[in-house]
Amino acid sequence: MTNDISSFSSETFDAIEKRRSVKHFDETHRFTDKEIEKLLSLAILSPTSFNIQNWRFLIVKDTELRKKIKSAAWDQPQVTDASLLLILCADLKAGEKDPQRYWKNASKEVQDFIIPAIEKYYKGNDQLQHDEALRSIGIASQTLMLAAKSAGYDSCPMIGFDPQKVAELINLPKDHIIGMMLVIGKAKSPANPRGGQLNLDEVVINDRF
């Protein structure tokens, strides 16, 4: 018997369909440290090239720091009102920092092949390292948003902020970049209706353009 994906009913499908970018959160709701740890333990299962795990998840708990970041984000209320504010960063030089640790559970044969390949692939190619960082952040952010939605919470990915100012506020290392901010919490009001999705035939190409 062949499975028909169109007939599947799953929490994952529901989370994808119901996930929206919520702007207004219950400012009284807060996550426990255990809940935050659970979300991030799922985020680090997100794939990264060569398993270099180059994402870095900065949790902003300090209320005064949140206010300063809000000021650098056009005073958007979700920065301070959401239960959790994450700044999704990446280490641009992750591939050069003790890469053996990314493959510590692999066989020696695998380690001997892939660890030198990491250096060969990334060394001296700053653009590739930058692009790789943003890919990793994007994948991890979607993991977080879908995990949050599956748990009954909402989220909002954010690029509406001054990255240089936020970098200064969080003491971002010189070899790191900020990809986006992500807020997660309990929605106080639902998101607006979807603005409109393009038809598949406008965005799906078979074989060649």
Protein backbone atom coordinates (compact mmCIF):
# COMPACT_ATOMS: atom_id res chain seq x y z
CA MET A 1 0.00 0.00 0.00
CA THR A 2 1.38 3.39 -1.00
CA ASN A 3 1.03 6.28 1.43
CA ASP A 4 -0.59 9.42 0.07
CA ILE A 5 0.94 12.50 1.67
CA SER A 6 -2.17 14.55 0.91
CA SER A 7 -4.18 12.36 3.27
CA PHE A 8 -1.77 12.63 6.18
CA SER A 9 -2.91 14.30 9.38
CA SER A 10 -0.09 15.33 11.67
CA GLU A 11 0.85 17.89 14.27
CA THR A 12 3.73 18.95 12.06
CA PHE A 13 1.44 19.77 9.15
CA ASP A 14 -0.88 21.65 11.50
CA ALA A 15 2.00 23.67 12.96
CA ILE A 16 3.20 24.65 9.48
CA GLU A 17 -0.28 25.71 8.37
CA LYS A 18 -1.10 27.61 11.58
CA ARG A 19 2.23 29.30 12.21
CA ARG A 20 1.92 33.05 11.80
CA SER A 21 4.00 36.07 12.69
CA VAL A 22 2.24 37.40 15.77
CA LYS A 23 2.90 40.97 16.88
CA HIS A 24 0.98 41.22 20.15
CA PHE A 25 1.88 39.01 23.09
CA ASP A 26 0.71 38.51 26.66
CA GLU A 27 3.38 40.47 28.50
CA THR A 28 2.59 38.70 31.79
CA HIS A 29 3.44 35.24 30.50
CA ARG A 30 6.96 33.91 30.99
CA PHE A 31 8.59 30.61 30.14
CA THR A 32 10.40 28.56 32.74
CA ASP A 33 14.07 27.81 32.20
CA LYS A 34 13.08 24.21 31.56
CA GLU A 35 10.69 25.23 28.77
CA ILE A 36 13.35 27.41 27.15
CA GLU A 37 15.86 24.57 27.38
CA LYS A 38 13.39 22.24 25.67
CA LEU A 39 12.87 24.64 22.76
CA LEU A 40 16.59 25.14 22.28
CA SER A 41 17.32 21.42 22.59
CA LEU A 42 15.06 20.97 19.56
CA ALA A 43 16.66 23.89 17.73
CA ILE A 44 20.11 22.33 17.91
CA LEU A 45 18.81 19.29 16.06
CA SER A 46 18.51 21.51 12.99
CA PRO A 47 20.87 20.53 10.18
CA THR A 48 24.05 22.44 9.42
CA SER A 49 26.58 21.88 6.65
CA PHE A 50 29.33 19.49 7.78
CA ASN A 51 27.53 19.48 11.15
CA ILE A 52 29.49 22.59 12.15
CA GLN A 53 26.57 23.81 14.30
CA ASN A 54 27.48 27.43 13.69
CA TRP A 55 24.32 28.95 15.16
CA ARG A 56 24.46 30.74 18.51
CA PHE A 57 21.24 31.47 20.41
CA LEU A 58 21.45 34.56 22.60
CA ILE A 59 18.64 34.72 25.17
CA VAL A 60 17.82 38.22 26.36
CA LYS A 61 16.48 38.05 29.91
CA ASP A 62 17.59 41.42 31.26
CA THR A 63 14.56 43.71 31.14
CA GLU A 64 16.61 46.89 30.75
CA LEU A 65 18.57 45.35 27.89
CA ARG A 66 15.30 44.35 26.25
CA LYS A 67 14.14 47.97 26.42
CA LYS A 68 17.33 49.14 24.72
CA ILE A 69 16.96 46.51 22.02
CA LYS A 70 13.34 47.56 21.56
CA SER A 71 14.53 51.11 20.97
CA ALA A 72 16.88 49.76 18.29
CA ALA A 73 13.96 47.85 16.75
CA TRP A 74 11.67 50.78 15.97
CA ASP A 75 9.97 50.35 19.37
CA GLN A 76 8.14 47.23 18.27
CA PRO A 77 6.24 46.00 21.35
CA GLN A 78 6.88 42.30 20.86
CA VAL A 79 10.54 42.81 21.78
CA THR A 80 9.63 43.42 25.41
CA ASP A 81 6.17 41.81 25.59
CA ALA A 82 6.95 38.33 24.29
CA SER A 83 7.90 35.66 26.79
CA LEU A 84 11.19 34.94 25.06
CA LEU A 85 13.52 37.13 23.01
CA LEU A 86 16.21 35.30 21.09
CA ILE A 87 18.89 36.88 18.94
CA LEU A 88 19.92 34.26 16.40
CA CYS A 89 23.59 34.68 15.65
CA ALA A 90 26.24 32.58 13.97
CA ASP A 91 29.95 32.02 14.42
CA LEU A 92 31.51 32.67 11.02
CA LYS A 93 34.63 30.74 11.97
CA ALA A 94 32.91 27.73 13.54
CA GLY A 95 34.47 25.41 10.98
CA GLU A 96 37.94 26.38 12.17
CA LYS A 97 37.33 25.98 15.90
CA ASP A 98 38.19 22.45 16.99
CA PRO A 99 36.14 20.74 14.23
CA GLN A 100 36.84 17.32 15.75
CA ARG A 101 34.13 18.01 18.32
CA TYR A 102 31.46 18.06 15.62
CA TRP A 103 32.27 14.46 14.74
CA LYS A 104 33.33 13.07 18.12
CA ASN A 105 30.89 10.14 17.87
CA ALA A 106 31.86 9.18 14.32
CA SER A 107 34.27 6.42 13.37
CA LYS A 108 37.93 7.28 12.82
CA GLU A 109 37.46 6.58 9.12
CA VAL A 110 34.71 9.20 8.91
CA GLN A 111 36.67 11.69 11.01
CA ASP A 112 39.78 11.31 8.88
CA PHE A 113 37.75 12.10 5.77
CA ILE A 114 35.39 14.85 6.85
CA ILE A 115 37.43 16.96 9.27
CA PRO A 116 40.07 17.95 6.68
CA ALA A 117 37.21 18.52 4.21
CA ILE A 118 35.71 21.17 6.50
CA GLU A 119 38.89 23.24 6.39
CA LYS A 120 39.32 22.76 2.67
CA TYR A 121 35.75 23.84 1.95
CA TYR A 122 35.57 26.99 4.09
CA LYS A 123 39.07 28.33 4.67
CA GLY A 124 39.69 31.63 2.91
CA ASN A 125 36.12 31.87 1.60
CA ASP A 126 34.46 34.55 3.71
CA GLN A 127 31.40 34.81 1.47
CA LEU A 128 30.69 31.10 1.75
CA GLN A 129 31.05 31.22 5.52
CA HIS A 130 28.65 34.18 5.64
CA ASP A 131 26.11 32.44 3.41
CA GLU A 132 26.42 29.23 5.42
CA ALA A 133 25.77 31.13 8.65
CA LEU A 134 22.55 32.65 7.31
CA ARG A 135 21.37 29.27 5.99
CA SER A 136 21.92 27.68 9.39
CA ILE A 137 20.13 30.48 11.21
CA GLY A 138 17.16 30.28 8.84
CA ILE A 139 16.74 26.54 9.30
CA ALA A 140 17.07 26.77 13.09
CA SER A 141 14.57 29.62 13.31
CA GLN A 142 11.95 27.59 11.46
CA THR A 143 12.58 24.66 13.81
CA LEU A 144 12.00 26.97 16.78
CA MET A 145 8.84 28.49 15.31
CA LEU A 146 7.29 25.14 14.48
CA ALA A 147 8.25 23.69 17.86
CA ALA A 148 6.68 26.69 19.57
CA LYS A 149 3.50 26.38 17.53
CA SER A 150 3.27 22.66 18.27
CA ALA A 151 3.41 23.54 21.96
CA GLY A 152 0.59 26.08 21.60
CA TYR A 153 2.71 29.23 21.42
CA ASP A 154 3.29 31.83 18.75
CA SER A 155 6.32 33.57 17.36
CA CYS A 156 7.58 36.35 15.15
CA PRO A 157 10.88 36.40 13.23
CA MET A 158 12.30 39.92 13.09
CA ILE A 159 14.71 41.76 10.84
CA GLY A 160 13.30 45.20 11.66
CA PHE A 161 16.13 46.46 13.86
CA ASP A 162 19.49 48.20 13.67
CA PRO A 163 21.93 45.26 13.58
CA GLN A 164 24.95 47.39 14.41
CA LYS A 165 23.28 48.88 17.48
CA VAL A 166 22.02 45.50 18.67
CA ALA A 167 25.48 44.00 18.10
CA GLU A 168 26.94 46.69 20.36
CA LEU A 169 24.31 46.07 23.03
CA ILE A 170 25.02 42.33 23.19
CA ASN A 171 28.81 42.58 22.78
CA LEU A 172 28.71 40.50 19.60
CA PRO A 173 32.15 38.99 18.86
CA LYS A 174 33.85 40.25 15.70
CA ASP A 175 33.70 36.83 14.03
CA HIS A 176 29.94 36.48 14.60
CA ILE A 177 26.94 37.90 12.76
CA ILE A 178 23.30 38.47 13.67
CA GLY A 179 20.83 36.77 11.34
CA MET A 180 17.56 37.76 12.94
CA MET A 181 15.71 38.17 16.20
CA LEU A 182 12.94 35.78 17.17
CA VAL A 183 10.26 36.34 19.78
CA ILE A 184 8.13 33.53 21.18
CA GLY A 185 5.23 33.71 23.59
CA LYS A 186 1.52 33.58 24.20
CA ALA A 187 -0.44 35.57 21.63
CA LYS A 188 -2.70 38.28 23.02
CA SER A 189 -4.40 38.79 19.68
CA PRO A 190 -4.22 36.73 16.48
CA ALA A 191 -2.19 37.69 13.46
CA ASN A 192 -3.86 39.47 10.59
CA PRO A 193 -5.18 37.29 7.77
CA ARG A 194 -2.51 36.07 5.38
CA GLY A 195 -1.66 38.72 2.84
CA GLY A 196 -1.82 36.25 -0.03
CA GLN A 197 0.28 33.32 -1.13
CA LEU A 198 1.49 32.97 -4.70
CA ASN A 199 0.20 30.00 -6.67
CA LEU A 200 2.50 27.00 -6.90
CA ASP A 201 2.81 27.39 -10.65
CA GLU A 202 4.50 30.77 -10.07
CA VAL A 203 7.17 29.46 -7.72
CA VAL A 204 7.73 25.82 -8.67
CA ILE A 205 9.95 25.07 -11.66
CA ASN A 206 10.53 21.63 -13.09
CA ASP A 207 14.03 20.79 -14.27
CA ARG A 208 15.01 24.16 -15.77
CA PHE A 209 13.91 27.79 -15.83
